[in-house]
N, C-alpha and C. Protein backbone atom coordinates (compact mmCIF):
# COMPACT_ATOMS: atom_id res chain seq x y z
N UNK A 1 0.86 -1.18 0.00
CA UNK A 1 -0.03 -0.03 0.04
C UNK A 1 0.88 1.22 -0.02
N UNK A 2 0.33 2.39 -0.37
CA UNK A 2 1.06 3.60 -0.43
C UNK A 2 1.35 4.17 0.98
N UNK A 3 2.31 5.02 1.09
CA UNK A 3 2.66 5.64 2.27
C UNK A 3 1.45 6.37 2.97
N UNK A 4 0.71 6.98 2.06
CA UNK A 4 -0.51 7.76 2.55
C UNK A 4 -1.48 6.85 3.19
N UNK A 5 -1.73 5.73 2.44
CA UNK A 5 -2.72 4.74 3.01
C UNK A 5 -2.23 4.25 4.39
N UNK A 6 -0.94 3.76 4.41
CA UNK A 6 -0.40 3.23 5.61
C UNK A 6 -0.51 4.21 6.78
N UNK A 7 -0.27 5.51 6.45
CA UNK A 7 -0.31 6.50 7.47
C UNK A 7 -1.71 6.61 8.08
N UNK A 8 -2.77 6.49 7.27
CA UNK A 8 -4.11 6.65 7.73
C UNK A 8 -4.40 5.44 8.63
N UNK A 9 -3.98 4.24 8.19
CA UNK A 9 -4.34 3.03 9.01
C UNK A 9 -3.66 3.07 10.30
N UNK A 10 -2.45 3.56 10.37
CA UNK A 10 -1.63 3.64 11.68
C UNK A 10 -2.32 4.73 12.56
N UNK A 11 -2.77 5.84 12.04
CA UNK A 11 -3.40 6.86 12.75
C UNK A 11 -4.73 6.35 13.36
N UNK A 12 -5.52 5.64 12.57
CA UNK A 12 -6.75 5.04 13.07
C UNK A 12 -6.46 4.01 14.17
N UNK A 13 -5.50 3.15 13.99
CA UNK A 13 -5.18 2.15 15.08
C UNK A 13 -4.65 2.79 16.31
N UNK A 14 -3.98 3.94 16.31
CA UNK A 14 -3.45 4.59 17.49
C UNK A 14 -4.48 5.37 18.19
N UNK A 15 -5.65 5.60 17.49
CA UNK A 15 -6.79 6.38 18.10
C UNK A 15 -7.36 5.51 19.21
N UNK A 16 -7.37 6.09 20.43
CA UNK A 16 -8.03 5.36 21.54
C UNK A 16 -9.48 5.06 21.36
N UNK A 17 -10.17 5.75 20.51
CA UNK A 17 -11.57 5.50 20.30
C UNK A 17 -11.83 4.53 19.20
N UNK A 18 -10.82 4.11 18.52
CA UNK A 18 -10.96 3.15 17.30
C UNK A 18 -11.22 1.74 17.89
N UNK A 19 -12.15 1.09 17.11
CA UNK A 19 -12.52 -0.28 17.48
C UNK A 19 -11.47 -1.32 17.15
N UNK A 20 -10.50 -0.95 16.22
CA UNK A 20 -9.45 -1.95 15.90
C UNK A 20 -8.48 -2.12 17.01
N UNK A 21 -8.20 -3.30 17.44
CA UNK A 21 -7.26 -3.49 18.52
C UNK A 21 -6.10 -4.46 18.16
N UNK A 22 -6.10 -4.98 16.95
CA UNK A 22 -5.07 -5.94 16.46
C UNK A 22 -4.52 -5.36 15.18
N UNK A 23 -3.21 -5.36 15.02
CA UNK A 23 -2.57 -4.92 13.84
C UNK A 23 -1.63 -5.94 13.33
N UNK A 24 -1.98 -6.58 12.17
CA UNK A 24 -1.27 -7.70 11.67
C UNK A 24 -0.37 -7.23 10.51
N UNK A 25 0.94 -7.42 10.65
CA UNK A 25 1.84 -7.02 9.64
C UNK A 25 3.12 -7.82 9.70
N UNK A 26 3.83 -7.89 8.53
CA UNK A 26 5.12 -8.61 8.61
C UNK A 26 6.14 -7.71 9.32
N UNK A 27 7.17 -8.41 9.87
CA UNK A 27 8.24 -7.61 10.55
C UNK A 27 9.09 -6.79 9.56
N UNK A 28 9.16 -7.24 8.35
CA UNK A 28 9.92 -6.60 7.32
C UNK A 28 9.25 -5.32 6.95
N UNK A 29 7.89 -5.34 6.75
CA UNK A 29 7.20 -4.15 6.27
C UNK A 29 6.89 -3.19 7.40
N UNK A 30 6.76 -3.69 8.57
CA UNK A 30 6.41 -2.77 9.69
C UNK A 30 7.56 -2.60 10.67
N UNK A 31 8.78 -3.04 10.33
CA UNK A 31 9.95 -2.91 11.24
C UNK A 31 10.50 -1.54 11.36
N UNK A 32 10.22 -0.67 10.37
CA UNK A 32 10.74 0.64 10.33
C UNK A 32 9.78 1.72 10.04
N UNK A 33 9.86 2.83 10.75
CA UNK A 33 9.03 3.93 10.45
C UNK A 33 7.68 3.98 10.94
N UNK A 34 7.32 3.06 11.76
CA UNK A 34 5.94 3.00 12.26
C UNK A 34 6.01 3.13 13.75
N UNK A 35 5.09 3.97 14.27
CA UNK A 35 4.78 4.19 15.72
C UNK A 35 3.48 3.59 16.05
N UNK A 36 3.45 2.44 16.65
CA UNK A 36 2.17 1.76 16.97
C UNK A 36 1.91 1.72 18.45
N UNK A 37 1.81 3.04 18.99
CA UNK A 37 1.61 3.28 20.42
C UNK A 37 0.19 2.94 20.85
N UNK A 38 -0.67 2.63 19.81
CA UNK A 38 -2.04 2.22 20.27
C UNK A 38 -2.05 0.84 20.96
N UNK A 39 -0.95 0.13 20.70
CA UNK A 39 -0.88 -1.25 21.37
C UNK A 39 0.27 -1.25 22.35
N UNK A 40 0.23 -2.09 23.32
CA UNK A 40 1.30 -2.23 24.28
C UNK A 40 1.78 -3.68 24.34
N UNK A 41 1.29 -4.54 23.58
CA UNK A 41 1.69 -5.93 23.43
C UNK A 41 1.93 -6.27 21.95
N UNK A 42 3.16 -6.72 21.87
CA UNK A 42 3.61 -7.09 20.45
C UNK A 42 4.05 -8.59 20.39
N UNK A 43 3.53 -9.37 19.45
CA UNK A 43 3.88 -10.73 19.34
C UNK A 43 4.72 -11.00 18.06
N UNK A 44 5.86 -11.55 18.19
CA UNK A 44 6.82 -11.78 17.07
C UNK A 44 6.57 -13.22 16.64
N UNK A 45 6.24 -13.55 15.44
CA UNK A 45 6.10 -14.92 15.01
C UNK A 45 7.17 -15.30 14.10
N UNK A 46 7.82 -14.37 13.32
CA UNK A 46 8.83 -14.73 12.33
C UNK A 46 10.17 -14.21 12.59
N UNK A 47 11.11 -15.03 13.24
CA UNK A 47 12.45 -14.47 13.53
C UNK A 47 13.20 -14.30 12.32
N UNK A 48 14.06 -13.29 12.38
CA UNK A 48 15.00 -13.07 11.18
C UNK A 48 16.39 -13.48 11.51
N UNK A 49 17.19 -13.77 10.36
CA UNK A 49 18.54 -14.08 10.61
C UNK A 49 19.34 -12.90 11.23
N UNK A 50 18.96 -11.71 10.95
CA UNK A 50 19.56 -10.50 11.39
C UNK A 50 18.81 -9.97 12.64
N UNK A 51 19.57 -9.96 13.80
CA UNK A 51 18.89 -9.58 15.01
C UNK A 51 18.42 -8.07 14.98
N UNK A 52 19.15 -7.28 14.18
CA UNK A 52 18.83 -5.81 14.16
C UNK A 52 17.44 -5.69 13.58
N UNK A 53 16.94 -6.46 12.58
CA UNK A 53 15.66 -6.28 12.05
C UNK A 53 14.53 -6.71 13.08
N UNK A 54 14.91 -7.75 13.89
CA UNK A 54 13.91 -8.02 14.94
C UNK A 54 13.86 -6.91 15.96
N UNK A 55 14.97 -6.40 16.39
CA UNK A 55 15.06 -5.31 17.34
C UNK A 55 14.21 -4.08 16.86
N UNK A 56 14.36 -3.79 15.54
CA UNK A 56 13.60 -2.65 15.03
C UNK A 56 12.13 -2.97 15.09
N UNK A 57 11.74 -4.16 14.77
CA UNK A 57 10.29 -4.51 14.69
C UNK A 57 9.68 -4.45 16.17
N UNK A 58 10.43 -4.94 17.08
CA UNK A 58 9.94 -5.09 18.49
C UNK A 58 9.87 -3.64 19.12
N UNK A 59 10.56 -2.68 18.55
CA UNK A 59 10.49 -1.36 19.15
C UNK A 59 9.37 -0.51 18.65
N UNK A 60 8.43 -1.01 17.86
CA UNK A 60 7.41 -0.19 17.27
C UNK A 60 6.32 0.24 18.22
N UNK A 61 6.12 -0.51 19.35
CA UNK A 61 5.10 -0.13 20.34
C UNK A 61 5.64 0.70 21.44
N UNK A 62 6.90 0.71 21.70
CA UNK A 62 7.56 1.44 22.68
C UNK A 62 8.23 2.74 22.11
N UNK A 63 7.28 3.66 21.75
CA UNK A 63 7.80 4.92 21.15
C UNK A 63 7.37 6.11 21.92
N UNK A 64 7.75 7.32 21.60
CA UNK A 64 7.29 8.50 22.30
C UNK A 64 5.69 8.57 22.12
N UNK A 65 5.12 8.78 23.36
CA UNK A 65 3.66 8.81 23.35
C UNK A 65 3.06 7.61 24.01
N UNK A 66 3.86 6.53 24.16
CA UNK A 66 3.39 5.35 24.80
C UNK A 66 3.29 5.54 26.41
N UNK A 67 2.05 5.32 26.92
CA UNK A 67 1.84 5.57 28.32
C UNK A 67 1.57 4.27 29.13
N UNK A 68 1.71 3.15 28.44
CA UNK A 68 1.42 1.84 29.19
C UNK A 68 2.67 1.05 29.19
N UNK A 69 2.77 0.04 30.17
CA UNK A 69 3.84 -0.91 30.17
C UNK A 69 3.81 -1.69 28.89
N UNK A 70 4.84 -1.96 28.23
CA UNK A 70 4.91 -2.75 26.99
C UNK A 70 5.34 -4.16 27.31
N UNK A 71 4.73 -5.16 26.70
CA UNK A 71 5.12 -6.57 26.81
C UNK A 71 5.33 -7.06 25.34
N UNK A 72 6.47 -7.66 25.14
CA UNK A 72 6.88 -8.22 23.79
C UNK A 72 7.06 -9.77 23.94
N UNK A 73 6.29 -10.47 23.13
CA UNK A 73 6.42 -11.91 23.12
C UNK A 73 7.09 -12.45 21.89
N UNK A 74 7.99 -13.37 22.03
CA UNK A 74 8.63 -14.00 20.87
C UNK A 74 8.30 -15.51 20.93
N UNK A 75 7.39 -15.85 20.01
CA UNK A 75 6.89 -17.31 20.10
C UNK A 75 7.78 -18.09 19.22
N UNK A 76 8.50 -19.04 19.79
CA UNK A 76 9.46 -19.89 18.99
C UNK A 76 9.18 -21.35 19.30
N UNK A 77 8.97 -22.10 18.25
CA UNK A 77 8.76 -23.56 18.32
C UNK A 77 10.10 -24.26 18.82
N UNK A 78 10.11 -24.88 20.00
CA UNK A 78 11.27 -25.53 20.50
C UNK A 78 11.74 -26.60 19.69
N UNK A 79 13.03 -26.70 19.52
CA UNK A 79 13.79 -27.75 18.78
C UNK A 79 13.68 -27.62 17.20
N UNK A 80 13.16 -26.55 16.74
CA UNK A 80 12.99 -26.40 15.33
C UNK A 80 14.07 -25.39 14.79
N UNK A 81 13.92 -25.19 13.46
CA UNK A 81 14.85 -24.22 12.78
C UNK A 81 14.67 -22.78 13.35
N UNK A 82 13.36 -22.55 13.72
CA UNK A 82 13.14 -21.14 14.39
C UNK A 82 14.00 -20.95 15.66
N UNK A 83 14.13 -21.88 16.45
CA UNK A 83 14.98 -21.77 17.62
C UNK A 83 16.41 -21.60 17.25
N UNK A 84 16.86 -22.31 16.21
CA UNK A 84 18.21 -22.23 15.76
C UNK A 84 18.49 -20.92 15.19
N UNK A 85 17.52 -20.26 14.46
CA UNK A 85 17.63 -18.93 14.03
C UNK A 85 17.77 -17.92 15.23
N UNK A 86 17.06 -18.19 16.29
CA UNK A 86 17.15 -17.35 17.48
C UNK A 86 18.49 -17.45 18.07
N UNK A 87 19.02 -18.71 18.06
CA UNK A 87 20.35 -18.86 18.63
C UNK A 87 21.50 -18.20 17.82
N UNK A 88 21.27 -18.14 16.48
CA UNK A 88 22.19 -17.32 15.66
C UNK A 88 22.12 -15.95 16.01
N UNK A 89 20.98 -15.35 16.26
CA UNK A 89 20.87 -13.96 16.71
C UNK A 89 21.64 -13.72 17.97
N UNK A 90 21.43 -14.72 18.93
CA UNK A 90 22.16 -14.56 20.20
C UNK A 90 23.66 -14.59 20.04
N UNK A 91 24.07 -15.39 19.12
CA UNK A 91 25.52 -15.60 18.86
C UNK A 91 26.05 -14.20 18.21
N UNK A 92 25.29 -13.68 17.33
CA UNK A 92 25.73 -12.43 16.68
C UNK A 92 25.78 -11.27 17.70
N UNK A 93 24.78 -11.17 18.56
CA UNK A 93 24.78 -10.15 19.58
C UNK A 93 25.92 -10.34 20.57
N UNK A 94 26.27 -11.56 20.86
CA UNK A 94 27.39 -11.85 21.73
C UNK A 94 28.74 -11.40 21.11
N UNK A 95 28.85 -11.68 19.84
CA UNK A 95 30.07 -11.25 19.12
C UNK A 95 30.12 -9.75 19.02
N UNK A 96 28.98 -9.06 18.83
CA UNK A 96 28.90 -7.59 18.82
C UNK A 96 29.43 -7.12 20.17
N UNK A 97 28.94 -7.68 21.29
CA UNK A 97 29.44 -7.23 22.64
C UNK A 97 30.96 -7.34 22.78
N UNK A 98 31.50 -8.41 22.21
CA UNK A 98 32.81 -8.61 22.39
C UNK A 98 33.73 -7.61 21.57
N UNK A 99 33.29 -7.37 20.32
CA UNK A 99 34.09 -6.53 19.44
C UNK A 99 33.80 -5.00 19.63
N UNK A 100 32.49 -4.65 19.74
CA UNK A 100 32.13 -3.28 19.81
C UNK A 100 32.20 -2.76 21.20
N UNK A 101 31.60 -3.47 22.12
CA UNK A 101 31.49 -3.07 23.55
C UNK A 101 32.65 -3.48 24.42
N UNK A 102 33.54 -4.31 23.77
CA UNK A 102 34.76 -4.84 24.53
C UNK A 102 34.30 -5.55 25.74
N UNK A 103 33.29 -6.32 25.78
CA UNK A 103 32.96 -7.24 26.90
C UNK A 103 33.63 -8.53 26.74
N UNK A 104 34.55 -8.74 27.71
CA UNK A 104 35.35 -10.02 27.64
C UNK A 104 34.78 -11.19 28.29
N UNK A 105 33.79 -10.92 29.12
CA UNK A 105 33.19 -11.98 29.86
C UNK A 105 31.73 -12.49 29.42
N UNK A 106 31.64 -12.24 28.06
CA UNK A 106 30.36 -12.74 27.53
C UNK A 106 30.29 -14.21 27.57
N UNK A 107 29.08 -14.73 27.92
CA UNK A 107 28.88 -16.17 28.09
C UNK A 107 29.11 -16.89 26.78
N UNK A 108 29.27 -18.22 26.89
CA UNK A 108 29.75 -19.09 25.79
C UNK A 108 28.98 -18.71 24.39
N UNK A 109 29.64 -19.00 23.33
CA UNK A 109 29.00 -18.85 21.90
C UNK A 109 28.61 -20.18 21.44
N UNK A 110 27.65 -20.13 20.53
CA UNK A 110 27.22 -21.39 19.90
C UNK A 110 28.20 -21.81 18.83
N UNK A 111 28.72 -23.01 18.77
CA UNK A 111 29.75 -23.50 17.91
C UNK A 111 29.25 -23.42 16.44
N UNK A 112 30.08 -23.33 15.48
CA UNK A 112 29.86 -23.35 14.11
C UNK A 112 29.34 -24.74 13.68
N UNK A 113 29.78 -25.78 14.35
CA UNK A 113 29.39 -27.13 13.98
C UNK A 113 27.93 -27.41 14.12
N UNK A 114 27.16 -26.54 14.86
CA UNK A 114 25.68 -26.61 14.94
C UNK A 114 25.03 -26.25 13.68
N UNK A 115 25.72 -25.52 12.74
CA UNK A 115 25.12 -25.12 11.52
C UNK A 115 24.82 -26.51 10.71
N UNK A 116 25.44 -27.54 10.96
CA UNK A 116 25.25 -28.80 10.19
C UNK A 116 23.86 -29.49 10.68
N UNK A 117 23.50 -29.14 11.89
CA UNK A 117 22.24 -29.78 12.43
C UNK A 117 21.08 -28.75 12.35
N UNK A 118 21.14 -27.69 11.45
CA UNK A 118 20.23 -26.66 11.44
C UNK A 118 18.85 -27.14 11.22
N UNK A 119 18.63 -28.13 10.40
CA UNK A 119 17.31 -28.59 10.04
C UNK A 119 16.86 -29.84 10.80
N UNK A 120 17.70 -30.17 11.90
CA UNK A 120 17.24 -31.27 12.76
C UNK A 120 16.07 -30.79 13.61
N UNK A 121 15.17 -31.62 13.95
CA UNK A 121 14.10 -31.29 14.81
C UNK A 121 14.10 -32.11 16.07
N UNK A 122 14.06 -31.45 17.30
CA UNK A 122 14.18 -32.15 18.50
C UNK A 122 12.94 -31.68 19.40
N UNK A 123 12.00 -32.38 19.48
CA UNK A 123 10.82 -31.94 20.18
C UNK A 123 10.77 -32.52 21.67
N UNK A 124 11.78 -33.26 22.03
CA UNK A 124 11.81 -33.98 23.30
C UNK A 124 12.30 -33.04 24.44
N UNK A 125 12.77 -31.83 24.21
CA UNK A 125 13.28 -30.97 25.20
C UNK A 125 12.41 -29.75 25.35
N UNK A 126 12.62 -29.25 26.57
CA UNK A 126 11.74 -27.94 26.77
C UNK A 126 12.29 -26.74 26.17
N UNK A 127 13.68 -26.63 26.07
CA UNK A 127 14.23 -25.53 25.42
C UNK A 127 15.72 -25.94 24.96
N UNK A 128 15.93 -25.98 23.68
CA UNK A 128 17.27 -26.30 23.22
C UNK A 128 18.22 -25.23 23.52
N UNK A 129 17.75 -23.92 23.48
CA UNK A 129 18.54 -22.76 23.79
C UNK A 129 19.06 -22.77 25.26
N UNK A 130 18.13 -23.14 26.09
CA UNK A 130 18.49 -23.14 27.57
C UNK A 130 19.56 -24.35 27.77
N UNK A 131 19.44 -25.40 27.02
CA UNK A 131 20.32 -26.54 27.16
C UNK A 131 21.77 -26.04 26.72
N UNK A 132 21.81 -25.27 25.65
CA UNK A 132 23.12 -24.82 25.17
C UNK A 132 23.71 -23.78 26.00
N UNK A 133 22.84 -23.04 26.79
CA UNK A 133 23.43 -22.05 27.73
C UNK A 133 24.26 -22.67 28.80
N UNK A 134 23.93 -24.01 29.08
CA UNK A 134 24.56 -24.60 30.27
C UNK A 134 24.38 -23.81 31.43
N UNK A 135 23.12 -23.45 31.68
CA UNK A 135 22.82 -22.57 32.81
C UNK A 135 23.08 -23.28 34.18
N UNK A 136 23.73 -22.44 35.12
CA UNK A 136 24.17 -22.92 36.40
C UNK A 136 23.19 -22.36 37.51
N UNK A 137 22.29 -21.51 37.01
CA UNK A 137 21.26 -20.94 37.98
C UNK A 137 20.07 -21.74 38.07
N UNK A 138 19.85 -22.69 37.18
CA UNK A 138 18.67 -23.54 37.27
C UNK A 138 18.86 -24.92 37.64
N UNK A 139 18.06 -25.46 38.54
CA UNK A 139 18.23 -26.87 38.96
C UNK A 139 16.87 -27.59 38.90
N UNK A 140 16.78 -28.60 38.06
CA UNK A 140 15.58 -29.49 37.88
C UNK A 140 14.35 -28.58 37.40
N UNK A 141 14.70 -27.62 36.53
CA UNK A 141 13.67 -26.72 35.94
C UNK A 141 13.25 -25.56 36.87
N UNK A 142 13.91 -25.39 37.98
CA UNK A 142 13.57 -24.31 38.91
C UNK A 142 14.80 -23.37 38.89
N UNK A 143 14.57 -22.03 38.74
CA UNK A 143 15.58 -21.04 38.77
C UNK A 143 15.85 -20.74 40.31
N UNK A 144 17.02 -21.18 40.75
CA UNK A 144 17.39 -21.07 42.13
C UNK A 144 18.15 -19.77 42.48
N UNK A 145 18.80 -19.27 41.46
CA UNK A 145 19.52 -18.00 41.58
C UNK A 145 19.04 -16.89 40.65
N UNK A 146 18.68 -15.83 41.09
CA UNK A 146 18.08 -14.84 40.15
C UNK A 146 19.29 -14.14 39.41
N UNK A 147 18.95 -13.59 38.18
CA UNK A 147 19.97 -12.95 37.43
C UNK A 147 20.44 -11.61 38.08
N UNK A 148 21.55 -11.08 37.68
CA UNK A 148 22.03 -9.83 38.18
C UNK A 148 21.02 -8.68 38.11
N UNK A 149 20.96 -7.86 39.16
CA UNK A 149 20.03 -6.80 39.15
C UNK A 149 20.20 -5.85 38.03
N UNK A 150 21.41 -5.66 37.57
CA UNK A 150 21.77 -4.75 36.49
C UNK A 150 21.35 -5.32 35.08
N UNK A 151 20.96 -6.56 34.94
CA UNK A 151 20.64 -7.13 33.72
C UNK A 151 19.50 -6.52 33.09
N UNK A 152 19.46 -6.43 31.71
CA UNK A 152 18.33 -5.91 31.00
C UNK A 152 18.21 -6.68 29.78
N UNK A 153 17.32 -6.31 28.77
CA UNK A 153 17.07 -7.06 27.61
C UNK A 153 18.36 -7.11 26.62
N UNK A 154 19.31 -6.22 26.89
CA UNK A 154 20.53 -6.20 26.01
C UNK A 154 21.56 -7.29 26.63
N UNK A 155 21.22 -7.80 27.76
CA UNK A 155 22.19 -8.76 28.46
C UNK A 155 22.14 -10.15 27.78
N UNK A 156 23.27 -10.97 27.98
CA UNK A 156 23.26 -12.33 27.48
C UNK A 156 22.01 -13.01 28.08
N UNK A 157 21.55 -14.00 27.30
CA UNK A 157 20.39 -14.79 27.76
C UNK A 157 20.63 -15.52 29.11
N UNK A 158 21.89 -15.82 29.31
CA UNK A 158 22.22 -16.47 30.67
C UNK A 158 21.86 -15.60 31.83
N UNK A 159 21.72 -14.26 31.53
CA UNK A 159 21.39 -13.32 32.66
C UNK A 159 19.89 -12.87 32.52
N UNK A 160 19.13 -13.62 31.81
CA UNK A 160 17.65 -13.36 31.81
C UNK A 160 16.94 -14.22 32.89
N UNK A 161 15.72 -13.96 33.16
CA UNK A 161 14.96 -14.89 34.00
C UNK A 161 14.62 -16.10 33.19
N UNK A 162 14.72 -17.25 33.82
CA UNK A 162 14.34 -18.53 33.15
C UNK A 162 13.22 -19.20 33.86
N UNK A 163 12.22 -19.48 33.04
CA UNK A 163 10.99 -20.03 33.67
C UNK A 163 10.59 -21.35 32.94
N UNK A 164 10.59 -22.46 33.65
CA UNK A 164 10.12 -23.65 33.06
C UNK A 164 8.93 -24.24 33.87
N UNK A 165 9.00 -24.35 35.12
CA UNK A 165 7.96 -24.93 35.96
C UNK A 165 7.14 -23.89 36.81
N UNK A 166 7.82 -22.77 37.22
CA UNK A 166 7.19 -21.89 38.04
C UNK A 166 6.99 -20.52 37.36
N UNK A 167 5.75 -20.16 36.96
CA UNK A 167 5.55 -18.82 36.19
C UNK A 167 5.31 -17.75 37.20
N UNK A 168 5.63 -17.89 38.46
CA UNK A 168 5.21 -16.74 39.35
C UNK A 168 6.08 -15.58 39.24
N UNK A 169 7.24 -15.69 38.60
CA UNK A 169 8.19 -14.47 38.37
C UNK A 169 7.84 -13.76 37.00
N UNK A 170 6.99 -14.34 36.19
CA UNK A 170 6.70 -13.76 34.98
C UNK A 170 5.86 -12.45 35.29
N UNK A 171 6.22 -11.32 34.77
CA UNK A 171 5.67 -10.08 35.20
C UNK A 171 4.22 -9.92 34.54
N UNK A 172 4.00 -10.47 33.38
CA UNK A 172 2.80 -10.24 32.66
C UNK A 172 1.69 -11.27 33.19
N UNK A 173 0.58 -10.72 33.73
CA UNK A 173 -0.47 -11.54 34.33
C UNK A 173 -1.18 -12.31 33.27
N UNK A 174 -1.23 -11.89 32.03
CA UNK A 174 -1.91 -12.64 30.97
C UNK A 174 -1.12 -13.86 30.64
N UNK A 175 0.27 -13.70 30.50
CA UNK A 175 1.04 -14.90 30.18
C UNK A 175 1.01 -15.82 31.38
N UNK A 176 1.00 -15.35 32.63
CA UNK A 176 0.97 -16.26 33.78
C UNK A 176 -0.32 -17.03 33.73
N UNK A 177 -1.44 -16.42 33.35
CA UNK A 177 -2.73 -17.08 33.40
C UNK A 177 -2.84 -18.18 32.35
N UNK A 178 -2.10 -18.20 31.29
CA UNK A 178 -2.28 -19.22 30.19
C UNK A 178 -1.00 -20.14 30.28
N UNK A 179 -0.15 -20.02 31.26
CA UNK A 179 1.04 -20.75 31.19
C UNK A 179 0.82 -22.21 31.37
N UNK A 180 -0.25 -22.61 32.11
CA UNK A 180 -0.51 -24.00 32.27
C UNK A 180 -1.32 -24.65 31.17
N UNK A 181 -1.39 -24.06 30.03
CA UNK A 181 -2.24 -24.51 28.93
C UNK A 181 -1.57 -25.72 28.34
N UNK A 182 -0.35 -26.00 28.58
CA UNK A 182 0.36 -27.23 28.01
C UNK A 182 1.13 -26.95 26.71
N UNK A 183 0.99 -25.70 26.16
CA UNK A 183 1.69 -25.41 24.96
C UNK A 183 3.02 -24.75 25.16
N UNK A 184 3.13 -24.00 26.23
CA UNK A 184 4.42 -23.25 26.53
C UNK A 184 5.28 -24.19 27.29
N UNK A 185 6.54 -24.33 26.91
CA UNK A 185 7.46 -25.25 27.57
C UNK A 185 8.61 -24.54 28.40
N UNK A 186 8.88 -23.25 27.87
CA UNK A 186 10.00 -22.57 28.52
C UNK A 186 9.74 -21.01 28.17
N UNK A 187 10.12 -20.19 29.06
CA UNK A 187 10.02 -18.72 28.93
C UNK A 187 11.28 -18.05 29.35
N UNK A 188 11.90 -17.24 28.56
CA UNK A 188 12.98 -16.34 28.94
C UNK A 188 12.29 -14.95 28.92
N UNK A 189 12.48 -14.29 30.15
CA UNK A 189 11.91 -12.94 30.26
C UNK A 189 12.87 -11.97 30.92
N UNK A 190 12.73 -10.77 30.56
CA UNK A 190 13.64 -9.73 31.15
C UNK A 190 13.03 -8.27 30.99
N UNK A 191 13.38 -7.35 31.75
CA UNK A 191 12.89 -5.98 31.62
C UNK A 191 13.84 -5.19 30.81
N UNK A 192 13.35 -4.13 30.13
CA UNK A 192 14.29 -3.31 29.33
C UNK A 192 14.97 -2.16 30.16
N UNK A 193 14.34 -1.85 31.25
CA UNK A 193 14.85 -0.75 32.03
C UNK A 193 14.05 -0.68 33.40
N UNK A 194 14.63 0.05 34.29
CA UNK A 194 13.89 0.15 35.55
C UNK A 194 13.05 1.33 35.48
N UNK A 195 11.77 1.24 35.97
CA UNK A 195 10.84 2.34 35.93
C UNK A 195 11.08 3.35 37.04
N UNK A 196 11.06 4.58 36.69
CA UNK A 196 11.30 5.60 37.78
C UNK A 196 9.95 5.83 38.46
N UNK A 197 9.91 5.67 39.71
CA UNK A 197 8.69 5.95 40.64
C UNK A 197 8.71 7.24 41.18
N UNK A 198 7.73 8.07 40.78
CA UNK A 198 7.68 9.34 41.37
C UNK A 198 6.92 9.34 42.76
N UNK A 199 7.59 9.88 43.73
CA UNK A 199 7.12 9.80 45.02
C UNK A 199 6.32 11.15 45.32
N UNK A 200 5.14 11.11 45.66
CA UNK A 200 4.47 12.29 46.02
C UNK A 200 4.57 12.57 47.49
N UNK A 201 5.01 13.74 47.96
CA UNK A 201 5.28 14.00 49.34
C UNK A 201 3.90 13.97 50.21
N UNK A 202 3.97 13.44 51.33
CA UNK A 202 2.84 13.44 52.15
C UNK A 202 2.51 14.87 52.72
N UNK A 203 1.32 15.01 53.37
CA UNK A 203 0.97 16.32 53.96
C UNK A 203 1.93 16.70 55.03
N UNK A 204 2.45 15.72 55.80
CA UNK A 204 3.41 16.05 56.88
C UNK A 204 4.66 16.54 56.32
N UNK A 205 5.14 15.92 55.19
CA UNK A 205 6.43 16.32 54.55
C UNK A 205 6.21 17.69 53.96
N UNK A 206 5.07 17.99 53.48
CA UNK A 206 4.83 19.36 52.96
C UNK A 206 4.80 20.44 54.01
N UNK A 207 4.24 20.07 55.18
CA UNK A 207 4.28 21.02 56.32
C UNK A 207 5.73 21.18 56.82
N UNK A 208 6.48 20.09 56.87
CA UNK A 208 7.90 20.22 57.35
C UNK A 208 8.63 21.14 56.40
N UNK A 209 8.46 20.80 55.10
CA UNK A 209 9.25 21.61 54.01
C UNK A 209 8.84 23.09 54.19
N UNK A 210 7.58 23.25 54.43
CA UNK A 210 7.10 24.70 54.54
C UNK A 210 7.80 25.39 55.76
N UNK A 211 7.88 24.70 56.91
CA UNK A 211 8.54 25.26 58.18
C UNK A 211 9.96 25.51 57.87
N UNK A 212 10.58 24.53 57.11
CA UNK A 212 12.10 24.68 56.74
C UNK A 212 12.27 25.84 55.92
N UNK A 213 11.37 26.09 54.92
CA UNK A 213 11.37 27.31 54.07
C UNK A 213 11.23 28.58 54.81
N UNK A 214 10.33 28.59 55.80
CA UNK A 214 10.10 29.69 56.59
C UNK A 214 11.35 30.09 57.43
N UNK A 215 11.98 29.04 57.95
CA UNK A 215 13.21 29.25 58.77
C UNK A 215 14.35 29.78 57.86
N UNK A 216 14.31 29.32 56.72
CA UNK A 216 15.41 29.82 55.75
C UNK A 216 15.19 31.27 55.39
N UNK A 217 13.88 31.53 55.33
CA UNK A 217 13.54 32.97 55.00
C UNK A 217 13.84 33.82 56.15
N UNK A 218 13.70 33.44 57.37
CA UNK A 218 14.03 34.20 58.48
C UNK A 218 15.46 34.57 58.61
N UNK A 219 16.33 33.59 58.19
CA UNK A 219 17.79 33.76 58.27
C UNK A 219 18.34 34.70 57.27
N UNK A 220 17.63 34.94 56.19
CA UNK A 220 18.17 35.68 55.11
C UNK A 220 18.18 37.21 55.52
């Protein structure tokens, strides 16, 4: 469609009074130049070999003007080529951290030998990615040690929250409510940043501040 047509559709979708609440588009077509602040939940179905393309697509709902908490879901079929594409993305990001950001302690990389098994399907495991991480924080499907407080969505997957059996740490209540449906086998989740909480002063604090201000005025 033309740029003008697309602009009208995006404007109608972002209108709070609009009845449309689902926007279906490919990550390639909608990955750049769109501000979809009318939604705060984005579901990625088609991973790209280039992680930058996915990052661009996932940033469409978290733009200037967004007033809600945003949740981004990446649905990946475990043990399939989709998961291996995701692993290649992780590998590229880790290499970028080593070369560009000079991070020397980035967790293990996926070996090039795994390219040979790209089209193998393994449906017997909960998460092939978690297996390859060789995670030391999880024991029998339970995360016993939380990731570093400083970790965010740019951190290595080893420093994300890992959820296999206990969904109580999952921040999105919708995902928690459907976790036991039998379709979800594993969840990696992490926050992008810490939210700044504005503290409103109580009436007593206002009175104390007023007294202090009066005292300061008297001293001048």
